[in-house]
Amino acid sequence: MFTALPWSHGTLGFLVVAVPVNKKDKTYIRMKYIPCHSMKELCDRTYELSVADDAPEFLEATIYSKDTGVIQCAWYDDAPADRSKINHINRWYEKFFYQHVETALERGEFEDWIPLREYYHRHTRSIFWELEELMPFSTKTWWRWGFGWLGAPKISLLKGTMTEGIRWKLVHKHVVQDIIVPMRELERSVEEFHKRFEVYPLLVYPIRIYNHGDDPGLQPNPRQLEPGKDWDMFVDLGAYGIPPALKRGEEWDAEEHVAATERFTHEIGGFVPLYQDVWMNRTQFEEMFDHRLYRRMREKLGAVGAFPEVWDKVRLQPKWRTDKSFVEREEPAEAEPALRSAEASN
């Protein structure tokens, strides 16, 4: 059951309680910011840090353009002896975290210490960088000092007050797209995102994905493994914002570009997180995710009939589609003659 549970999105049962435990008796996070001035440099350094024996306890990168990005390494730590090194990133008057990270491109490599709770919420105050799209003035000094204490609106409030018109714009005039792909394909994936979305910054989270044998659960096994290991390094690459093509008054077809990104992701051995809109039809979804163990567990736990299947729960609903020729399930080509024969006999 515990193998089938991840990615099932409440279609096997209800998670009643989860208690996160911080086993490190530390109150700060020591941060190191490493600027990169080419995508190859960023990809190579991220990979080296990910597979190192002394890999950082936290690792992420923020990409600011096709050629620039900043890697962030982090470790649990005590307070520094030099108190001036403490960075309270969530105080209302401070720059947003992603803006602070970007300063490394000019400053060069540097370190600071962030209080543990503030580090966990480093993207909360700015909703990653989406607040700047909602309120362009939110990055201005006068706003931070005068009104920054108001904080960002809660996501639950934004969703609860969303009209159908706003929902349509979020689907067709806005990007929330994550893909999880092998790290060796990161540079190529950034190029694909630039081609499809041209949205920056991009978020990069390295992930180690293990081979779980014949019953991997919904998450598929890696197609390749690190030499001598039972895992491969992947990255979650995320784009959030309004495509610049729309800001320039150009045509931009969300259905075309997101569907193409999903196909690209599957082709290179990746998959998509299910907290975003899924544009794939059922056939494509079942090709991307392994349903064997999942379906056995639905039968065993009595979930069939009680809960929808995961695709039914996460797919983009038909009313939000502009392509009226969308087919929910593709029939295999070899089944077509038999289908015609059955129709003829009727």
C-alpha atoms as a PDB file:
ATOM      1  CA  MET A   1       0.000   0.000   0.000  1.00  0.00           C
ATOM      2  CA  PHE A   2       2.750   2.458   0.900  1.00  0.00           C
ATOM      3  CA  THR A   3       4.354   1.953  -2.513  1.00  0.00           C
ATOM      4  CA  ALA A   4       1.048   2.614  -4.295  1.00  0.00           C
ATOM      5  CA  LEU A   5       0.107   5.624  -2.158  1.00  0.00           C
ATOM      6  CA  PRO A   6       2.421   8.316  -3.640  1.00  0.00           C
ATOM      7  CA  TRP A   7       0.832  10.176  -6.600  1.00  0.00           C
ATOM      8  CA  SER A   8      -2.582   8.586  -5.918  1.00  0.00           C
ATOM      9  CA  HIS A   9      -4.104  11.949  -4.869  1.00  0.00           C
ATOM     10  CA  GLY A  10      -6.724  10.612  -2.488  1.00  0.00           C
ATOM     11  CA  THR A  11      -7.986   7.876  -4.831  1.00  0.00           C
ATOM     12  CA  LEU A  12      -6.948   5.002  -2.548  1.00  0.00           C
ATOM     13  CA  GLY A  13      -8.186   6.456   0.737  1.00  0.00           C
ATOM     14  CA  PHE A  14      -7.736   9.371   3.135  1.00  0.00           C
ATOM     15  CA  LEU A  15      -4.501  10.379   4.842  1.00  0.00           C
ATOM     16  CA  VAL A  16      -5.685  11.161   8.358  1.00  0.00           C
ATOM     17  CA  VAL A  17      -2.540  12.678   9.848  1.00  0.00           C
ATOM     18  CA  ALA A  18       1.086  13.322   8.961  1.00  0.00           C
ATOM     19  CA  VAL A  19       3.618  14.605  11.484  1.00  0.00           C
ATOM     20  CA  PRO A  20       6.843  16.127  10.103  1.00  0.00           C
ATOM     21  CA  VAL A  21       9.826  15.587  12.376  1.00  0.00           C
ATOM     22  CA  ASN A  22      12.996  17.675  12.328  1.00  0.00           C
ATOM     23  CA  LYS A  23      15.669  15.316  13.618  1.00  0.00           C
ATOM     24  CA  LYS A  24      18.369  17.970  13.402  1.00  0.00           C
ATOM     25  CA  ASP A  25      18.708  19.986  16.585  1.00  0.00           C
ATOM     26  CA  LYS A  26      19.611  23.109  14.649  1.00  0.00           C
ATOM     27  CA  THR A  27      17.863  26.463  14.376  1.00  0.00           C
ATOM     28  CA  TYR A  28      19.535  27.906  11.278  1.00  0.00           C
ATOM     29  CA  ILE A  29      20.269  27.009   7.692  1.00  0.00           C
ATOM     30  CA  ARG A  30      23.681  27.912   6.283  1.00  0.00           C
ATOM     31  CA  MET A  31      23.274  28.998   2.676  1.00  0.00           C
ATOM     32  CA  LYS A  32      25.830  29.130  -0.111  1.00  0.00           C
ATOM     33  CA  TYR A  33      24.909  30.919  -3.353  1.00  0.00           C
ATOM     34  CA  ILE A  34      26.834  29.867  -6.474  1.00  0.00           C
ATOM     35  CA  PRO A  35      26.328  32.033  -9.584  1.00  0.00           C
ATOM     36  CA  CYS A  36      26.476  30.396 -13.026  1.00  0.00           C
ATOM     37  CA  HIS A  37      26.810  32.263 -16.313  1.00  0.00           C
ATOM     38  CA  SER A  38      25.979  29.487 -18.751  1.00  0.00           C
ATOM     39  CA  MET A  39      23.374  26.752 -18.709  1.00  0.00           C
ATOM     40  CA  LYS A  40      26.035  24.081 -19.139  1.00  0.00           C
ATOM     41  CA  GLU A  41      27.866  25.366 -16.066  1.00  0.00           C
ATOM     42  CA  LEU A  42      24.670  25.320 -14.003  1.00  0.00           C
ATOM     43  CA  CYS A  43      23.698  21.817 -15.156  1.00  0.00           C
ATOM     44  CA  ASP A  44      27.191  20.396 -14.586  1.00  0.00           C
ATOM     45  CA  ARG A  45      27.599  21.975 -11.131  1.00  0.00           C
ATOM     46  CA  THR A  46      24.115  20.888 -10.037  1.00  0.00           C
ATOM     47  CA  TYR A  47      24.839  17.302 -11.072  1.00  0.00           C
ATOM     48  CA  GLU A  48      28.241  17.259  -9.328  1.00  0.00           C
ATOM     49  CA  LEU A  49      26.719  18.551  -6.100  1.00  0.00           C
ATOM     50  CA  SER A  50      23.781  16.119  -6.302  1.00  0.00           C
ATOM     51  CA  VAL A  51      25.851  12.934  -6.558  1.00  0.00           C
ATOM     52  CA  ALA A  52      28.730  13.962  -4.279  1.00  0.00           C
ATOM     53  CA  ASP A  53      29.362  11.872  -1.160  1.00  0.00           C
ATOM     54  CA  ASP A  54      29.111  15.065   0.911  1.00  0.00           C
ATOM     55  CA  ALA A  55      26.110  16.470  -0.991  1.00  0.00           C
ATOM     56  CA  PRO A  56      24.353  19.466   0.603  1.00  0.00           C
ATOM     57  CA  GLU A  57      21.358  18.675   2.797  1.00  0.00           C
ATOM     58  CA  PHE A  58      19.249  20.969   0.607  1.00  0.00           C
ATOM     59  CA  LEU A  59      19.953  21.826  -3.009  1.00  0.00           C
ATOM     60  CA  GLU A  60      18.052  23.921  -5.532  1.00  0.00           C
ATOM     61  CA  ALA A  61      18.729  26.335  -8.359  1.00  0.00           C
ATOM     62  CA  THR A  62      16.954  29.356  -9.775  1.00  0.00           C
ATOM     63  CA  ILE A  63      17.354  30.088 -13.491  1.00  0.00           C
ATOM     64  CA  TYR A  64      16.982  33.753 -14.436  1.00  0.00           C
ATOM     65  CA  SER A  65      17.603  33.520 -18.201  1.00  0.00           C
ATOM     66  CA  LYS A  66      18.830  31.053 -20.825  1.00  0.00           C
ATOM     67  CA  ASP A  67      22.395  31.824 -19.709  1.00  0.00           C
ATOM     68  CA  THR A  68      22.236  32.707 -16.010  1.00  0.00           C
ATOM     69  CA  GLY A  69      21.228  31.010 -12.803  1.00  0.00           C
ATOM     70  CA  VAL A  70      22.177  30.620  -9.150  1.00  0.00           C
ATOM     71  CA  ILE A  71      22.654  27.321  -7.318  1.00  0.00           C
ATOM     72  CA  GLN A  72      21.722  27.315  -3.632  1.00  0.00           C
ATOM     73  CA  CYS A  73      23.364  24.816  -1.287  1.00  0.00           C
ATOM     74  CA  ALA A  74      22.072  24.557   2.277  1.00  0.00           C
ATOM     75  CA  TRP A  75      22.974  22.773   5.511  1.00  0.00           C
ATOM     76  CA  TYR A  76      21.462  22.687   8.988  1.00  0.00           C
ATOM     77  CA  ASP A  77      23.634  24.755  11.320  1.00  0.00           C
ATOM     78  CA  ASP A  78      23.820  26.727  14.539  1.00  0.00           C
ATOM     79  CA  ALA A  79      23.757  30.501  14.638  1.00  0.00           C
ATOM     80  CA  PRO A  80      26.925  32.044  13.174  1.00  0.00           C
ATOM     81  CA  ALA A  81      29.463  33.720  15.425  1.00  0.00           C
ATOM     82  CA  ASP A  82      29.138  36.832  13.261  1.00  0.00           C
ATOM     83  CA  ARG A  83      25.508  37.870  13.830  1.00  0.00           C
ATOM     84  CA  SER A  84      25.640  40.179  10.822  1.00  0.00           C
ATOM     85  CA  LYS A  85      25.601  37.046   8.646  1.00  0.00           C
ATOM     86  CA  ILE A  86      22.032  36.250   9.743  1.00  0.00           C
ATOM     87  CA  ASN A  87      19.537  37.000   6.989  1.00  0.00           C
ATOM     88  CA  HIS A  88      15.901  37.414   8.072  1.00  0.00           C
ATOM     89  CA  ILE A  89      14.485  36.889   4.586  1.00  0.00           C
ATOM     90  CA  ASN A  90      10.834  36.998   5.677  1.00  0.00           C
ATOM     91  CA  ARG A  91      10.822  40.376   7.372  1.00  0.00           C
ATOM     92  CA  TRP A  92       8.306  42.530   5.545  1.00  0.00           C
ATOM     93  CA  TYR A  93      10.814  45.112   4.308  1.00  0.00           C
ATOM     94  CA  GLU A  94      13.344  42.650   2.905  1.00  0.00           C
ATOM     95  CA  LYS A  95      13.664  41.750  -0.773  1.00  0.00           C
ATOM     96  CA  PHE A  96      11.843  38.622  -1.820  1.00  0.00           C
ATOM     97  CA  PHE A  97      14.020  35.517  -1.578  1.00  0.00           C
ATOM     98  CA  TYR A  98      14.373  35.011  -5.344  1.00  0.00           C
ATOM     99  CA  GLN A  99      15.537  38.632  -5.686  1.00  0.00           C
ATOM    100  CA  HIS A 100      18.077  38.115  -2.908  1.00  0.00           C
ATOM    101  CA  VAL A 101      19.376  34.980  -4.656  1.00  0.00           C
ATOM    102  CA  GLU A 102      19.715  36.866  -7.946  1.00  0.00           C
ATOM    103  CA  THR A 103      22.201  39.304  -6.379  1.00  0.00           C
ATOM    104  CA  ALA A 104      24.803  36.508  -6.527  1.00  0.00           C
ATOM    105  CA  LEU A 105      25.049  37.068 -10.301  1.00  0.00           C
ATOM    106  CA  GLU A 106      26.735  40.417  -9.549  1.00  0.00           C
ATOM    107  CA  ARG A 107      28.177  39.812  -6.071  1.00  0.00           C
ATOM    108  CA  GLY A 108      29.709  36.451  -6.825  1.00  0.00           C
ATOM    109  CA  GLU A 109      29.602  33.449  -4.499  1.00  0.00           C
ATOM    110  CA  PHE A 110      28.634  34.241  -0.894  1.00  0.00           C
ATOM    111  CA  GLU A 111      27.129  32.723   2.251  1.00  0.00           C
ATOM    112  CA  ASP A 112      24.561  33.691   4.858  1.00  0.00           C
ATOM    113  CA  TRP A 113      22.492  32.053   7.613  1.00  0.00           C
ATOM    114  CA  ILE A 114      18.684  31.940   7.534  1.00  0.00           C
ATOM    115  CA  PRO A 115      16.506  31.051  10.555  1.00  0.00           C
ATOM    116  CA  LEU A 116      15.076  27.571  10.018  1.00  0.00           C
ATOM    117  CA  ARG A 117      11.378  28.513   9.876  1.00  0.00           C
ATOM    118  CA  GLU A 118      12.087  31.382   7.496  1.00  0.00           C
ATOM    119  CA  TYR A 119      14.007  29.041   5.203  1.00  0.00           C
ATOM    120  CA  TYR A 120      11.070  26.630   5.066  1.00  0.00           C
ATOM    121  CA  HIS A 121       8.885  29.584   4.028  1.00  0.00           C
ATOM    122  CA  ARG A 122      11.404  31.200   1.703  1.00  0.00           C
ATOM    123  CA  HIS A 123       8.953  31.225  -1.233  1.00  0.00           C
ATOM    124  CA  THR A 124       5.762  31.853   0.763  1.00  0.00           C
ATOM    125  CA  ARG A 125       5.910  35.641   1.010  1.00  0.00           C
ATOM    126  CA  SER A 126       6.227  36.103  -2.757  1.00  0.00           C
ATOM    127  CA  ILE A 127       4.250  32.975  -3.820  1.00  0.00           C
ATOM    128  CA  PHE A 128       7.517  31.972  -5.500  1.00  0.00           C
ATOM    129  CA  TRP A 129       7.529  34.941  -7.955  1.00  0.00           C
ATOM    130  CA  GLU A 130       3.828  34.971  -8.811  1.00  0.00           C
ATOM    131  CA  LEU A 131       3.035  37.907  -6.516  1.00  0.00           C
ATOM    132  CA  GLU A 132       4.969  40.144  -8.900  1.00  0.00           C
ATOM    133  CA  GLU A 133       2.529  39.134 -11.675  1.00  0.00           C
ATOM    134  CA  LEU A 134      -0.483  39.874  -9.449  1.00  0.00           C
ATOM    135  CA  MET A 135       0.961  43.072  -7.966  1.00  0.00           C
ATOM    136  CA  PRO A 136       3.903  44.444  -9.990  1.00  0.00           C
ATOM    137  CA  PHE A 137       4.520  47.109  -7.342  1.00  0.00           C
ATOM    138  CA  SER A 138       5.089  44.438  -4.651  1.00  0.00           C
ATOM    139  CA  THR A 139       8.819  44.404  -5.480  1.00  0.00           C
ATOM    140  CA  LYS A 140       9.197  48.159  -4.966  1.00  0.00           C
ATOM    141  CA  THR A 141      10.991  49.448  -1.874  1.00  0.00           C
ATOM    142  CA  TRP A 142       8.157  51.844  -0.969  1.00  0.00           C
ATOM    143  CA  TRP A 143       5.634  49.003  -1.005  1.00  0.00           C
ATOM    144  CA  ARG A 144       7.776  46.663   1.088  1.00  0.00           C
ATOM    145  CA  TRP A 145       8.426  49.254   3.775  1.00  0.00           C
ATOM    146  CA  GLY A 146       4.919  50.722   3.796  1.00  0.00           C
ATOM    147  CA  PHE A 147       2.681  47.727   3.130  1.00  0.00           C
ATOM    148  CA  GLY A 148       4.854  44.612   3.036  1.00  0.00           C
ATOM    149  CA  TRP A 149       3.574  43.652   6.487  1.00  0.00           C
ATOM    150  CA  LEU A 150       0.222  42.800   4.855  1.00  0.00           C
ATOM    151  CA  GLY A 151       1.868  39.742   3.307  1.00  0.00           C
ATOM    152  CA  ALA A 152       0.775  37.812   0.238  1.00  0.00           C
ATOM    153  CA  PRO A 153      -2.862  36.722  -0.117  1.00  0.00           C
ATOM    154  CA  LYS A 154      -3.410  33.112   0.923  1.00  0.00           C
ATOM    155  CA  ILE A 155      -3.655  30.654  -1.969  1.00  0.00           C
ATOM    156  CA  SER A 156      -6.824  29.156  -0.464  1.00  0.00           C
ATOM    157  CA  LEU A 157      -8.432  32.622  -0.495  1.00  0.00           C
ATOM    158  CA  LEU A 158      -7.456  33.195  -4.127  1.00  0.00           C
ATOM    159  CA  LYS A 159      -8.894  29.813  -5.134  1.00  0.00           C
ATOM    160  CA  GLY A 160     -12.036  30.271  -3.056  1.00  0.00           C
ATOM    161  CA  THR A 161     -12.887  33.601  -4.686  1.00  0.00           C
ATOM    162  CA  MET A 162     -11.964  32.560  -8.235  1.00  0.00           C
ATOM    163  CA  THR A 163     -14.632  33.161 -10.878  1.00  0.00           C
ATOM    164  CA  GLU A 164     -14.977  31.075 -14.042  1.00  0.00           C
ATOM    165  CA  GLY A 165     -13.527  33.974 -16.038  1.00  0.00           C
ATOM    166  CA  ILE A 166     -10.415  34.085 -13.862  1.00  0.00           C
ATOM    167  CA  ARG A 167     -10.098  30.297 -14.019  1.00  0.00           C
ATOM    168  CA  TRP A 168     -10.224  30.463 -17.837  1.00  0.00           C
ATOM    169  CA  LYS A 169      -7.428  33.033 -17.871  1.00  0.00           C
ATOM    170  CA  LEU A 170      -5.326  30.944 -15.477  1.00  0.00           C
ATOM    171  CA  VAL A 171      -5.635  27.995 -17.852  1.00  0.00           C
ATOM    172  CA  HIS A 172      -5.088  29.820 -21.145  1.00  0.00           C
ATOM    173  CA  LYS A 173      -3.175  33.003 -20.271  1.00  0.00           C
ATOM    174  CA  HIS A 174      -0.874  31.777 -17.539  1.00  0.00           C
ATOM    175  CA  VAL A 175       1.673  29.011 -16.951  1.00  0.00           C
ATOM    176  CA  VAL A 176       2.000  26.721 -13.948  1.00  0.00           C
ATOM    177  CA  GLN A 177       4.085  23.914 -15.386  1.00  0.00           C
ATOM    178  CA  ASP A 178       6.399  21.503 -13.613  1.00  0.00           C
ATOM    179  CA  ILE A 179       8.116  18.532 -15.195  1.00  0.00           C
ATOM    180  CA  ILE A 180      10.295  15.888 -13.543  1.00  0.00           C
ATOM    181  CA  VAL A 181      13.026  14.756 -15.924  1.00  0.00           C
ATOM    182  CA  PRO A 182      16.415  13.006 -15.773  1.00  0.00           C
ATOM    183  CA  MET A 183      19.085  15.486 -14.749  1.00  0.00           C
ATOM    184  CA  ARG A 184      21.100  14.675 -17.882  1.00  0.00           C
ATOM    185  CA  GLU A 185      18.200  16.238 -19.827  1.00  0.00           C
ATOM    186  CA  LEU A 186      18.068  19.471 -17.800  1.00  0.00           C
ATOM    187  CA  GLU A 187      19.778  21.689 -20.371  1.00  0.00           C
ATOM    188  CA  ARG A 188      17.554  20.366 -23.138  1.00  0.00           C
ATOM    189  CA  SER A 189      14.481  20.835 -20.934  1.00  0.00           C
ATOM    190  CA  VAL A 190      15.356  24.481 -20.245  1.00  0.00           C
ATOM    191  CA  GLU A 191      15.601  25.018 -24.005  1.00  0.00           C
ATOM    192  CA  GLU A 192      12.160  23.424 -24.422  1.00  0.00           C
ATOM    193  CA  PHE A 193      10.690  25.647 -21.697  1.00  0.00           C
ATOM    194  CA  HIS A 194      12.193  28.722 -23.360  1.00  0.00           C
ATOM    195  CA  LYS A 195      10.696  27.682 -26.688  1.00  0.00           C
ATOM    196  CA  ARG A 196       7.260  26.944 -25.224  1.00  0.00           C
ATOM    197  CA  PHE A 197       6.864  29.487 -22.418  1.00  0.00           C
ATOM    198  CA  GLU A 198       9.791  31.953 -22.253  1.00  0.00           C
ATOM    199  CA  VAL A 199       8.901  32.435 -18.573  1.00  0.00           C
ATOM    200  CA  TYR A 200      11.607  33.231 -15.999  1.00  0.00           C
ATOM    201  CA  PRO A 201      12.702  32.615 -13.299  1.00  0.00           C
ATOM    202  CA  LEU A 202      12.615  28.812 -13.460  1.00  0.00           C
ATOM    203  CA  LEU A 203      12.819  26.665 -10.355  1.00  0.00           C
ATOM    204  CA  VAL A 204      15.090  23.598 -10.243  1.00  0.00           C
ATOM    205  CA  TYR A 205      14.898  20.950  -7.511  1.00  0.00           C
ATOM    206  CA  PRO A 206      17.151  17.849  -7.790  1.00  0.00           C
ATOM    207  CA  ILE A 207      15.423  14.569  -6.914  1.00  0.00           C
ATOM    208  CA  ARG A 208      16.855  11.085  -6.456  1.00  0.00           C
ATOM    209  CA  ILE A 209      14.463   8.475  -7.905  1.00  0.00           C
ATOM    210  CA  TYR A 210      14.984   4.809  -7.058  1.00  0.00           C
ATOM    211  CA  ASN A 211      14.293   1.675  -9.044  1.00  0.00           C
ATOM    212  CA  HIS A 212      11.519  -0.169  -7.179  1.00  0.00           C
ATOM    213  CA  GLY A 213      11.512  -3.308  -9.294  1.00  0.00           C
ATOM    214  CA  ASP A 214       8.440  -4.818 -10.917  1.00  0.00           C
ATOM    215  CA  ASP A 215       5.896  -2.928  -8.772  1.00  0.00           C
ATOM    216  CA  PRO A 216       7.076   0.682  -8.670  1.00  0.00           C
ATOM    217  CA  GLY A 217       3.688   2.251  -7.974  1.00  0.00           C
ATOM    218  CA  LEU A 218       2.397   5.077 -10.163  1.00  0.00           C
ATOM    219  CA  GLN A 219       5.799   6.749 -10.311  1.00  0.00           C
ATOM    220  CA  PRO A 220       7.707   4.916 -13.064  1.00  0.00           C
ATOM    221  CA  ASN A 221      11.178   3.497 -12.560  1.00  0.00           C
ATOM    222  CA  PRO A 222      14.096   5.435 -14.102  1.00  0.00           C
ATOM    223  CA  ARG A 223      15.008   4.283 -17.605  1.00  0.00           C
ATOM    224  CA  GLN A 224      18.710   4.579 -16.694  1.00  0.00           C
ATOM    225  CA  LEU A 225      20.560   4.301 -13.399  1.00  0.00           C
ATOM    226  CA  GLU A 226      23.701   5.904 -12.049  1.00  0.00           C
ATOM    227  CA  PRO A 227      26.606   3.441 -12.501  1.00  0.00           C
ATOM    228  CA  GLY A 228      26.640   0.999  -9.588  1.00  0.00           C
ATOM    229  CA  LYS A 229      23.527   2.551  -8.001  1.00  0.00           C
ATOM    230  CA  ASP A 230      19.838   1.675  -7.788  1.00  0.00           C
ATOM    231  CA  TRP A 231      18.769   5.268  -8.462  1.00  0.00           C
ATOM    232  CA  ASP A 232      19.071   8.066 -10.996  1.00  0.00           C
ATOM    233  CA  MET A 233      19.152  11.835 -10.526  1.00  0.00           C
ATOM    234  CA  PHE A 234      16.123  13.768 -11.752  1.00  0.00           C
ATOM    235  CA  VAL A 235      15.125  17.417 -11.477  1.00  0.00           C
ATOM    236  CA  ASP A 236      11.804  19.133 -10.982  1.00  0.00           C
ATOM    237  CA  LEU A 237      11.821  22.059 -13.420  1.00  0.00           C
ATOM    238  CA  GLY A 238       9.070  24.613 -12.798  1.00  0.00           C
ATOM    239  CA  ALA A 239       7.780  27.636 -14.715  1.00  0.00           C
ATOM    240  CA  TYR A 240       5.212  29.983 -13.170  1.00  0.00           C
ATOM    241  CA  GLY A 241       3.961  33.195 -14.737  1.00  0.00           C
ATOM    242  CA  ILE A 242       2.458  34.909 -17.774  1.00  0.00           C
ATOM    243  CA  PRO A 243       4.149  34.072 -21.099  1.00  0.00           C
ATOM    244  CA  PRO A 244       5.906  37.180 -22.491  1.00  0.00           C
ATOM    245  CA  ALA A 245       4.308  36.449 -25.893  1.00  0.00           C
ATOM    246  CA  LEU A 246       0.945  37.450 -24.397  1.00  0.00           C
ATOM    247  CA  LYS A 247       2.426  40.599 -22.880  1.00  0.00           C
ATOM    248  CA  ARG A 248       3.733  41.502 -26.349  1.00  0.00           C
ATOM    249  CA  GLY A 249       0.240  41.062 -27.792  1.00  0.00           C
ATOM    250  CA  GLU A 250       1.157  37.895 -29.702  1.00  0.00           C
ATOM    251  CA  GLU A 251      -0.832  34.681 -30.048  1.00  0.00           C
ATOM    252  CA  TRP A 252       0.011  31.954 -27.551  1.00  0.00           C
ATOM    253  CA  ASP A 253      -1.925  28.678 -27.456  1.00  0.00           C
ATOM    254  CA  ALA A 254      -1.743  27.098 -23.991  1.00  0.00           C
ATOM    255  CA  GLU A 255      -3.239  23.827 -25.202  1.00  0.00           C
ATOM    256  CA  GLU A 256      -0.632  23.440 -27.930  1.00  0.00           C
ATOM    257  CA  HIS A 257       2.389  24.322 -25.811  1.00  0.00           C
ATOM    258  CA  VAL A 258       1.487  22.483 -22.594  1.00  0.00           C
ATOM    259  CA  ALA A 259       0.483  19.329 -24.487  1.00  0.00           C
ATOM    260  CA  ALA A 260       3.772  19.479 -26.420  1.00  0.00           C
ATOM    261  CA  THR A 261       5.668  19.833 -23.133  1.00  0.00           C
ATOM    262  CA  GLU A 262       3.923  16.768 -21.703  1.00  0.00           C
ATOM    263  CA  ARG A 263       4.866  14.745 -24.808  1.00  0.00           C
ATOM    264  CA  PHE A 264       8.468  15.966 -24.606  1.00  0.00           C
ATOM    265  CA  THR A 265       8.621  14.992 -20.929  1.00  0.00           C
ATOM    266  CA  HIS A 266       7.430  11.451 -21.603  1.00  0.00           C
ATOM    267  CA  GLU A 267       9.809  11.020 -24.553  1.00  0.00           C
ATOM    268  CA  ILE A 268      12.884  11.757 -22.430  1.00  0.00           C
ATOM    269  CA  GLY A 269      11.824   9.468 -19.584  1.00  0.00           C
ATOM    270  CA  GLY A 270      10.176  12.018 -17.324  1.00  0.00           C
ATOM    271  CA  PHE A 271       6.712  12.630 -15.887  1.00  0.00           C
ATOM    272  CA  VAL A 272       4.600  15.506 -14.607  1.00  0.00           C
ATOM    273  CA  PRO A 273       3.512  16.300 -11.033  1.00  0.00           C
ATOM    274  CA  LEU A 274      -0.236  15.998 -10.538  1.00  0.00           C
ATOM    275  CA  TYR A 275      -0.857  19.179  -8.549  1.00  0.00           C
ATOM    276  CA  GLN A 276      -1.094  21.078 -11.854  1.00  0.00           C
ATOM    277  CA  ASP A 277      -3.583  20.769 -14.709  1.00  0.00           C
ATOM    278  CA  VAL A 278      -2.991  17.566 -16.679  1.00  0.00           C
ATOM    279  CA  TRP A 279      -3.762  17.982 -20.388  1.00  0.00           C
ATOM    280  CA  MET A 280      -3.040  14.373 -21.417  1.00  0.00           C
ATOM    281  CA  ASN A 281      -5.865  12.053 -22.341  1.00  0.00           C
ATOM    282  CA  ARG A 282      -6.327   8.830 -20.402  1.00  0.00           C
ATOM    283  CA  THR A 283      -4.255   6.750 -22.821  1.00  0.00           C
ATOM    284  CA  GLN A 284      -1.282   9.129 -22.661  1.00  0.00           C
ATOM    285  CA  PHE A 285      -1.578   9.305 -18.868  1.00  0.00           C
ATOM    286  CA  GLU A 286      -1.480   5.521 -18.526  1.00  0.00           C
ATOM    287  CA  GLU A 287       1.607   5.425 -20.740  1.00  0.00           C
ATOM    288  CA  MET A 288       3.375   7.933 -18.481  1.00  0.00           C
ATOM    289  CA  PHE A 289       2.379   6.387 -15.123  1.00  0.00           C
ATOM    290  CA  ASP A 290       2.481   2.701 -14.125  1.00  0.00           C
ATOM    291  CA  HIS A 291      -1.047   1.698 -13.039  1.00  0.00           C
ATOM    292  CA  ARG A 292      -0.492  -2.020 -12.300  1.00  0.00           C
ATOM    293  CA  LEU A 293       0.052  -1.935  -8.522  1.00  0.00           C
ATOM    294  CA  TYR A 294      -2.273   1.064  -8.168  1.00  0.00           C
ATOM    295  CA  ARG A 295      -5.221  -0.809  -9.713  1.00  0.00           C
ATOM    296  CA  ARG A 296      -4.598  -3.917  -7.606  1.00  0.00           C
ATOM    297  CA  MET A 297      -4.615  -1.787  -4.458  1.00  0.00           C
ATOM    298  CA  ARG A 298      -7.837  -0.022  -5.498  1.00  0.00           C
ATOM    299  CA  GLU A 299      -9.499  -3.421  -5.733  1.00  0.00           C
ATOM    300  CA  LYS A 300      -8.018  -4.662  -2.457  1.00  0.00           C
ATOM    301  CA  LEU A 301      -8.891  -1.509  -0.471  1.00  0.00           C
ATOM    302  CA  GLY A 302     -12.410  -1.179  -1.892  1.00  0.00           C
ATOM    303  CA  ALA A 303     -11.606   2.151  -3.527  1.00  0.00           C
ATOM    304  CA  VAL A 304     -13.225   1.215  -6.862  1.00  0.00           C
ATOM    305  CA  GLY A 305     -16.578   2.977  -6.966  1.00  0.00           C
ATOM    306  CA  ALA A 306     -15.799   4.923  -3.784  1.00  0.00           C
ATOM    307  CA  PHE A 307     -13.104   7.189  -5.247  1.00  0.00           C
ATOM    308  CA  PRO A 308     -12.421   8.272  -8.834  1.00  0.00           C
ATOM    309  CA  GLU A 309      -9.310   7.093 -10.638  1.00  0.00           C
ATOM    310  CA  VAL A 310      -6.398   9.495 -10.398  1.00  0.00           C
ATOM    311  CA  TRP A 311      -6.673  10.690 -14.038  1.00  0.00           C
ATOM    312  CA  ASP A 312     -10.346  11.577 -13.529  1.00  0.00           C
ATOM    313  CA  LYS A 313      -9.350  13.657 -10.525  1.00  0.00           C
ATOM    314  CA  VAL A 314      -6.380  15.581 -11.924  1.00  0.00           C
ATOM    315  CA  ARG A 315      -7.232  16.014 -15.621  1.00  0.00           C
ATOM    316  CA  LEU A 316      -8.204  19.362 -17.086  1.00  0.00           C
ATOM    317  CA  GLN A 317     -11.990  19.357 -17.312  1.00  0.00           C
ATOM    318  CA  PRO A 318     -13.443  19.463 -20.873  1.00  0.00           C
ATOM    319  CA  LYS A 319     -15.146  22.827 -20.354  1.00  0.00           C
ATOM    320  CA  TRP A 320     -11.741  24.509 -20.056  1.00  0.00           C
ATOM    321  CA  ARG A 321     -10.486  23.110 -23.367  1.00  0.00           C
ATOM    322  CA  THR A 322     -10.573  24.984 -26.658  1.00  0.00           C
ATOM    323  CA  ASP A 323      -9.817  21.855 -28.704  1.00  0.00           C
ATOM    324  CA  LYS A 324     -13.253  20.292 -29.156  1.00  0.00           C
ATOM    325  CA  SER A 325     -11.740  17.316 -31.000  1.00  0.00           C
ATOM    326  CA  PHE A 326     -10.141  16.083 -27.753  1.00  0.00           C
ATOM    327  CA  VAL A 327     -10.533  12.310 -27.354  1.00  0.00           C
ATOM    328  CA  GLU A 328     -10.560  10.959 -23.798  1.00  0.00           C
ATOM    329  CA  ARG A 329      -9.070   7.591 -24.707  1.00  0.00           C
ATOM    330  CA  GLU A 330      -7.227   6.647 -27.882  1.00  0.00           C
ATOM    331  CA  GLU A 331      -8.131   3.259 -29.322  1.00  0.00           C
ATOM    332  CA  PRO A 332      -5.137   1.162 -30.429  1.00  0.00           C
ATOM    333  CA  ALA A 333      -4.776   1.168 -34.194  1.00  0.00           C
ATOM    334  CA  GLU A 334      -4.837  -2.649 -34.362  1.00  0.00           C
ATOM    335  CA  ALA A 335      -8.258  -2.719 -32.665  1.00  0.00           C
ATOM    336  CA  GLU A 336      -9.859  -0.643 -35.392  1.00  0.00           C
ATOM    337  CA  PRO A 337     -10.647  -3.495 -37.888  1.00  0.00           C
ATOM    338  CA  ALA A 338     -12.279  -5.562 -35.140  1.00  0.00           C
ATOM    339  CA  LEU A 339     -14.291  -2.533 -34.075  1.00  0.00           C
ATOM    340  CA  ARG A 340     -15.495  -2.017 -37.637  1.00  0.00           C
ATOM    341  CA  SER A 341     -16.450  -5.708 -37.887  1.00  0.00           C
ATOM    342  CA  ALA A 342     -18.474  -5.490 -34.681  1.00  0.00           C
ATOM    343  CA  GLU A 343     -20.221  -2.343 -35.880  1.00  0.00           C
ATOM    344  CA  ALA A 344     -21.049  -4.026 -39.206  1.00  0.00           C
ATOM    345  CA  SER A 345     -22.581  -7.054 -37.464  1.00  0.00           C
ATOM    346  CA  ASN A 346     -24.805  -4.751 -35.424  1.00  0.00           C
END
